[in-house]
Amino acid sequence: MKEKFEEHYKTIGRNVKKLRNAQKLTQLELANKCSVNREQISRIENARRDYMHSTLLEVCEALGVSVFEIMKLQ
């Protein structure tokens, strides 16, 4: 059975990676800006569902975008 919000996690992951790359940041550099570890950034970008929402909020803040922007960018 597919996760109800699977496409949302994929969209978020794609957009975090797109924005991170646009800012020429490595996963580690972004993680350091958010005070999280690189593995947490990787989990978000790979649409794993085992990250805390507070981590996503920190990532958005570090990238200078809102959660709404992360969910709608294509």
N, C-alpha and C. Protein backbone atom coordinates (compact mmCIF):
# COMPACT_ATOMS: atom_id res chain seq x y z
N MET A 1 0.84 -1.18 0.00
CA MET A 1 0.00 0.00 0.00
C MET A 1 0.89 1.25 0.00
N LYS A 2 0.58 2.17 -0.88
CA LYS A 2 1.39 3.38 -1.00
C LYS A 2 1.08 4.37 0.10
N GLU A 3 2.11 5.05 0.51
CA GLU A 3 1.99 6.12 1.50
C GLU A 3 1.06 7.20 0.94
N LYS A 4 0.13 7.67 1.75
CA LYS A 4 -0.85 8.66 1.32
C LYS A 4 -0.21 9.94 0.77
N PHE A 5 0.87 10.36 1.38
CA PHE A 5 1.50 11.62 0.99
C PHE A 5 2.82 11.43 0.25
N GLU A 6 3.01 10.29 -0.35
CA GLU A 6 4.27 9.97 -1.02
C GLU A 6 4.69 11.03 -2.04
N GLU A 7 3.77 11.50 -2.84
CA GLU A 7 4.11 12.51 -3.85
C GLU A 7 4.55 13.82 -3.21
N HIS A 8 3.98 14.17 -2.06
CA HIS A 8 4.40 15.38 -1.36
C HIS A 8 5.85 15.26 -0.90
N TYR A 9 6.20 14.10 -0.34
CA TYR A 9 7.58 13.90 0.11
C TYR A 9 8.54 13.97 -1.08
N LYS A 10 8.14 13.40 -2.20
CA LYS A 10 8.99 13.45 -3.40
C LYS A 10 9.17 14.88 -3.88
N THR A 11 8.09 15.65 -3.89
CA THR A 11 8.16 17.05 -4.33
C THR A 11 9.07 17.85 -3.41
N ILE A 12 8.89 17.67 -2.11
CA ILE A 12 9.74 18.37 -1.14
C ILE A 12 11.20 18.01 -1.37
N GLY A 13 11.49 16.73 -1.50
CA GLY A 13 12.87 16.28 -1.71
C GLY A 13 13.49 16.85 -2.97
N ARG A 14 12.74 16.80 -4.06
CA ARG A 14 13.22 17.35 -5.34
C ARG A 14 13.52 18.83 -5.21
N ASN A 15 12.62 19.54 -4.54
CA ASN A 15 12.77 20.99 -4.44
C ASN A 15 13.90 21.41 -3.49
N VAL A 16 14.07 20.69 -2.40
CA VAL A 16 15.20 20.99 -1.52
C VAL A 16 16.51 20.81 -2.28
N LYS A 17 16.61 19.71 -3.00
CA LYS A 17 17.84 19.45 -3.77
C LYS A 17 18.05 20.52 -4.84
N LYS A 18 16.98 20.89 -5.54
CA LYS A 18 17.07 21.90 -6.59
C LYS A 18 17.55 23.23 -6.02
N LEU A 19 16.96 23.65 -4.90
CA LEU A 19 17.34 24.92 -4.28
C LEU A 19 18.76 24.85 -3.71
N ARG A 20 19.10 23.71 -3.11
CA ARG A 20 20.46 23.55 -2.56
C ARG A 20 21.49 23.66 -3.68
N ASN A 21 21.23 22.99 -4.78
CA ASN A 21 22.16 23.04 -5.92
C ASN A 21 22.23 24.43 -6.53
N ALA A 22 21.10 25.12 -6.59
CA ALA A 22 21.08 26.48 -7.14
C ALA A 22 21.94 27.43 -6.30
N GLN A 23 22.01 27.14 -5.01
CA GLN A 23 22.83 27.96 -4.11
C GLN A 23 24.26 27.42 -3.98
N LYS A 24 24.55 26.39 -4.78
CA LYS A 24 25.88 25.77 -4.82
C LYS A 24 26.32 25.28 -3.44
N LEU A 25 25.38 24.67 -2.72
CA LEU A 25 25.67 24.11 -1.40
C LEU A 25 25.75 22.59 -1.50
N THR A 26 26.67 22.01 -0.77
CA THR A 26 26.67 20.55 -0.62
C THR A 26 25.65 20.20 0.45
N GLN A 27 25.33 18.92 0.55
CA GLN A 27 24.43 18.49 1.61
C GLN A 27 25.02 18.85 2.98
N LEU A 28 26.31 18.69 3.13
CA LEU A 28 26.96 18.99 4.39
C LEU A 28 26.89 20.48 4.72
N GLU A 29 27.12 21.32 3.72
CA GLU A 29 27.05 22.77 3.95
C GLU A 29 25.64 23.19 4.37
N LEU A 30 24.63 22.63 3.70
CA LEU A 30 23.26 22.95 4.08
C LEU A 30 22.97 22.43 5.48
N ALA A 31 23.41 21.23 5.77
CA ALA A 31 23.19 20.65 7.10
C ALA A 31 23.80 21.54 8.18
N ASN A 32 25.00 22.04 7.94
CA ASN A 32 25.66 22.91 8.91
C ASN A 32 24.89 24.22 9.11
N LYS A 33 24.30 24.74 8.04
CA LYS A 33 23.50 25.96 8.16
C LYS A 33 22.24 25.72 8.98
N CYS A 34 21.79 24.47 9.01
CA CYS A 34 20.55 24.11 9.71
C CYS A 34 20.81 23.51 11.08
N SER A 35 22.05 23.29 11.42
CA SER A 35 22.41 22.60 12.67
C SER A 35 21.84 21.19 12.74
N VAL A 36 21.85 20.50 11.60
CA VAL A 36 21.47 19.09 11.54
C VAL A 36 22.62 18.34 10.88
N ASN A 37 22.50 17.03 10.74
CA ASN A 37 23.58 16.31 10.07
C ASN A 37 23.25 16.06 8.60
N ARG A 38 24.27 15.72 7.83
CA ARG A 38 24.11 15.51 6.40
C ARG A 38 23.09 14.43 6.09
N GLU A 39 23.04 13.40 6.92
CA GLU A 39 22.11 12.29 6.69
C GLU A 39 20.66 12.77 6.73
N GLN A 40 20.36 13.76 7.56
CA GLN A 40 19.00 14.29 7.62
C GLN A 40 18.65 15.00 6.32
N ILE A 41 19.60 15.73 5.75
CA ILE A 41 19.36 16.37 4.46
C ILE A 41 19.15 15.31 3.39
N SER A 42 19.95 14.28 3.41
CA SER A 42 19.81 13.19 2.45
C SER A 42 18.44 12.53 2.55
N ARG A 43 17.96 12.32 3.77
CA ARG A 43 16.64 11.70 3.95
C ARG A 43 15.54 12.56 3.35
N ILE A 44 15.65 13.86 3.53
CA ILE A 44 14.64 14.75 2.93
C ILE A 44 14.71 14.67 1.41
N GLU A 45 15.92 14.80 0.86
CA GLU A 45 16.07 14.82 -0.60
C GLU A 45 15.67 13.49 -1.24
N ASN A 46 15.79 12.41 -0.52
CA ASN A 46 15.45 11.09 -1.07
C ASN A 46 14.04 10.64 -0.68
N ALA A 47 13.23 11.57 -0.21
CA ALA A 47 11.82 11.33 0.10
C ALA A 47 11.60 10.26 1.15
N ARG A 48 12.55 10.11 2.06
CA ARG A 48 12.33 9.21 3.19
C ARG A 48 11.45 9.94 4.18
N ARG A 49 10.63 9.22 4.85
CA ARG A 49 9.64 9.85 5.70
C ARG A 49 10.02 9.85 7.17
N ASP A 50 11.29 9.66 7.47
CA ASP A 50 11.71 9.57 8.87
C ASP A 50 12.48 10.81 9.33
N TYR A 51 12.08 11.97 8.89
CA TYR A 51 12.69 13.20 9.39
C TYR A 51 11.64 14.02 10.12
N MET A 52 12.10 14.83 11.02
CA MET A 52 11.20 15.67 11.81
C MET A 52 10.78 16.90 11.00
N HIS A 53 9.57 17.33 11.19
CA HIS A 53 9.09 18.52 10.50
C HIS A 53 9.88 19.75 10.90
N SER A 54 10.36 19.76 12.14
CA SER A 54 11.18 20.90 12.57
C SER A 54 12.46 20.99 11.74
N THR A 55 13.00 19.84 11.32
CA THR A 55 14.18 19.82 10.46
C THR A 55 13.85 20.47 9.12
N LEU A 56 12.70 20.14 8.57
CA LEU A 56 12.29 20.73 7.29
C LEU A 56 12.14 22.24 7.44
N LEU A 57 11.60 22.70 8.55
CA LEU A 57 11.47 24.14 8.77
C LEU A 57 12.83 24.81 8.82
N GLU A 58 13.80 24.17 9.45
CA GLU A 58 15.16 24.73 9.50
C GLU A 58 15.77 24.78 8.10
N VAL A 59 15.55 23.74 7.31
CA VAL A 59 16.07 23.70 5.94
C VAL A 59 15.47 24.84 5.13
N CYS A 60 14.17 25.03 5.24
CA CYS A 60 13.52 26.12 4.51
C CYS A 60 14.11 27.47 4.90
N GLU A 61 14.30 27.66 6.19
CA GLU A 61 14.88 28.92 6.66
C GLU A 61 16.28 29.11 6.10
N ALA A 62 17.09 28.06 6.11
CA ALA A 62 18.47 28.15 5.61
C ALA A 62 18.50 28.44 4.11
N LEU A 63 17.51 27.93 3.37
CA LEU A 63 17.45 28.16 1.93
C LEU A 63 16.73 29.46 1.58
N GLY A 64 16.12 30.08 2.59
CA GLY A 64 15.43 31.35 2.36
C GLY A 64 14.10 31.21 1.66
N VAL A 65 13.40 30.09 1.88
CA VAL A 65 12.10 29.87 1.27
C VAL A 65 11.11 29.41 2.33
N SER A 66 9.83 29.50 2.00
CA SER A 66 8.80 29.02 2.92
C SER A 66 8.50 27.54 2.65
N VAL A 67 7.83 26.92 3.60
CA VAL A 67 7.41 25.52 3.40
C VAL A 67 6.49 25.44 2.20
N PHE A 68 5.65 26.43 2.01
CA PHE A 68 4.73 26.43 0.87
C PHE A 68 5.49 26.45 -0.46
N GLU A 69 6.56 27.22 -0.51
CA GLU A 69 7.37 27.25 -1.73
C GLU A 69 8.02 25.91 -1.99
N ILE A 70 8.53 25.25 -0.95
CA ILE A 70 9.16 23.95 -1.10
C ILE A 70 8.18 22.93 -1.67
N MET A 71 6.93 23.05 -1.29
CA MET A 71 5.93 22.08 -1.73
C MET A 71 5.43 22.34 -3.14
N LYS A 72 5.54 23.57 -3.64
CA LYS A 72 4.96 23.86 -4.95
C LYS A 72 5.97 23.99 -6.08
N LEU A 73 7.23 24.21 -5.79
CA LEU A 73 8.21 24.35 -6.85
C LEU A 73 8.29 23.08 -7.68
N GLN A 74 8.49 23.21 -8.93
CA GLN A 74 8.66 22.06 -9.81
C GLN A 74 9.89 22.27 -10.58
